[in-house]
C-alpha cells in the first residue's frame, strides 16, 4: 500500500512540474525576423505547478565563446514570473506596459518594438 502511494505521489509531482499549458515562442515560419537576432529569444511558458498557475517570460541569450584559446562561454537567462495569470494575458501585459520588458531585459522598449515582439510570438496549447 505504501509503495503504491509513493508511486502515485511521485507521478503526480512529476506531472505537475512538467505540465505546460501554453508556450509562446518565436515562429520562424512567420516570415518576420526575430527581433532579438539569431542567438537571443523571448518565450512565454504557462504551466501548472504545485503552487498553482504561473507564467514565465524567459529572455535567453544562448552561449557565446569568450576566448578562442580557452573553453569559456557566456550566456544570459532572465525569467519574469506572473502568478495566476494565463499566457495570453501576459502577452497583452507585455505589449501594453513597458516596465515588464524593462525589468526583463534591463532596458525599455518602445511600443513599436513591443509590437514587433508580440507579432513574432506564436502561442500553442499543449
Protein backbone atom coordinates (compact mmCIF):
# COMPACT_ATOMS: atom_id res chain seq x y z
CA UNK A 1 0.00 0.00 0.00
CA UNK A 2 2.77 2.44 0.93
CA UNK A 3 4.65 1.63 -2.29
CA UNK A 4 1.52 2.42 -4.34
CA UNK A 5 1.04 5.72 -2.53
CA UNK A 6 4.67 6.67 -3.10
CA UNK A 7 4.43 5.83 -6.80
CA UNK A 8 1.24 7.86 -7.16
CA UNK A 9 2.82 10.76 -5.23
CA UNK A 10 5.96 10.82 -7.40
CA UNK A 11 3.96 10.51 -10.61
CA UNK A 12 1.68 13.37 -9.63
CA UNK A 13 4.65 15.58 -8.65
CA UNK A 14 6.32 14.87 -11.98
CA UNK A 15 3.18 15.66 -13.94
CA UNK A 16 2.63 18.92 -12.08
CA UNK A 17 6.21 20.06 -12.62
CA UNK A 18 6.43 19.32 -16.34
CA UNK A 19 2.92 20.21 -17.50
CA UNK A 20 2.95 23.34 -19.65
CA UNK A 21 -0.47 24.55 -20.80
CA UNK A 22 0.69 27.10 -23.35
CA UNK A 23 4.02 28.05 -24.90
CA UNK A 24 4.55 31.24 -26.90
CA UNK A 25 7.79 31.43 -28.83
CA UNK A 26 9.39 32.82 -31.96
CA UNK A 27 7.80 31.38 -35.08
CA UNK A 28 10.48 31.08 -37.77
CA UNK A 29 7.70 30.40 -40.32
CA UNK A 30 6.12 33.81 -39.67
CA UNK A 31 8.27 35.43 -42.34
CA UNK A 32 9.35 38.02 -39.78
CA UNK A 33 12.91 38.21 -38.44
CA UNK A 34 13.49 37.53 -34.77
CA UNK A 35 13.52 40.95 -33.13
CA UNK A 36 16.46 39.95 -30.92
CA UNK A 37 18.62 38.31 -33.60
CA UNK A 38 19.68 34.72 -34.08
CA UNK A 39 21.02 33.83 -30.63
CA UNK A 40 18.54 35.61 -28.35
CA UNK A 41 14.94 34.65 -27.70
CA UNK A 42 11.95 35.55 -25.56
CA UNK A 43 9.39 32.87 -24.79
CA UNK A 44 6.29 32.71 -22.61
CA UNK A 45 5.56 29.46 -20.78
CA UNK A 46 2.31 28.93 -18.90
CA UNK A 47 2.40 26.00 -16.51
CA UNK A 48 0.60 24.43 -13.62
CA UNK A 49 2.83 23.80 -10.62
CA UNK A 50 2.09 22.55 -7.15
CA UNK A 51 1.67 26.23 -6.23
CA UNK A 52 -0.89 26.83 -8.98
CA UNK A 53 -0.84 28.64 -12.32
CA UNK A 54 2.27 30.58 -13.22
CA UNK A 55 3.51 32.05 -16.47
CA UNK A 56 7.21 32.64 -17.02
CA UNK A 57 8.60 35.07 -19.56
CA UNK A 58 12.08 33.82 -20.39
CA UNK A 59 14.72 36.04 -22.01
CA UNK A 60 17.65 33.90 -23.09
CA UNK A 61 20.91 34.68 -24.84
CA UNK A 62 22.50 31.44 -25.95
CA UNK A 63 26.13 30.77 -25.03
CA UNK A 64 28.80 32.68 -26.94
CA UNK A 65 32.51 31.93 -26.91
CA UNK A 66 34.51 34.43 -24.86
CA UNK A 67 38.01 33.13 -25.54
CA UNK A 68 39.22 31.09 -28.51
CA UNK A 69 42.20 29.68 -26.61
CA UNK A 70 40.24 28.55 -23.55
CA UNK A 71 36.88 26.83 -23.40
CA UNK A 72 34.89 29.76 -21.98
CA UNK A 73 31.37 30.85 -22.87
CA UNK A 74 28.89 33.36 -21.54
CA UNK A 75 25.10 33.19 -21.59
CA UNK A 76 22.22 35.06 -20.03
CA UNK A 77 18.82 33.91 -18.86
CA UNK A 78 16.30 36.13 -17.08
CA UNK A 79 12.87 34.96 -16.00
CA UNK A 80 9.92 37.21 -15.17
CA UNK A 81 7.17 35.23 -13.43
CA UNK A 82 3.48 36.15 -13.38
CA UNK A 83 1.44 34.21 -10.81
CA UNK A 84 -2.18 33.28 -11.53
CA UNK A 85 -2.03 34.92 -14.98
CA UNK A 86 -2.52 33.00 -18.25
CA UNK A 87 -0.04 33.21 -21.14
CA UNK A 88 -2.36 35.17 -23.45
CA UNK A 89 -2.91 37.75 -20.68
CA UNK A 90 0.84 38.00 -20.05
CA UNK A 91 1.40 38.56 -23.77
CA UNK A 92 -1.02 41.51 -23.65
CA UNK A 93 0.56 42.90 -20.46
CA UNK A 94 3.99 42.81 -22.09
CA UNK A 95 2.63 44.69 -25.09
CA UNK A 96 0.81 47.37 -23.08
CA UNK A 97 3.21 48.01 -20.22
CA UNK A 98 6.87 48.92 -20.94
CA UNK A 99 8.00 48.27 -17.37
CA UNK A 100 7.86 44.48 -17.78
CA UNK A 101 10.33 44.34 -20.66
CA UNK A 102 12.49 46.90 -18.86
CA UNK A 103 12.71 44.57 -15.86
CA UNK A 104 13.32 41.51 -18.05
CA UNK A 105 15.84 42.99 -20.49
CA UNK A 106 17.37 45.76 -18.45
CA UNK A 107 16.27 48.45 -20.90
CA UNK A 108 12.99 49.94 -22.08
CA UNK A 109 11.38 49.08 -25.41
CA UNK A 110 9.21 51.49 -27.37
CA UNK A 111 5.64 50.49 -28.24
CA UNK A 112 6.53 49.73 -31.88
CA UNK A 113 9.34 47.42 -30.67
CA UNK A 114 7.00 45.62 -28.27
CA UNK A 115 4.53 45.21 -31.15
CA UNK A 116 7.23 43.56 -33.28
CA UNK A 117 7.95 41.07 -30.50
CA UNK A 118 4.25 40.41 -29.94
CA UNK A 119 3.81 39.73 -33.65
CA UNK A 120 6.51 37.02 -33.80
CA UNK A 121 5.44 35.17 -30.63
CA UNK A 122 3.21 32.28 -31.66
CA UNK A 123 1.25 30.63 -28.85
CA UNK A 124 0.36 26.94 -28.86
CA UNK A 125 -1.58 24.97 -26.30
CA UNK A 126 -0.29 21.56 -25.32
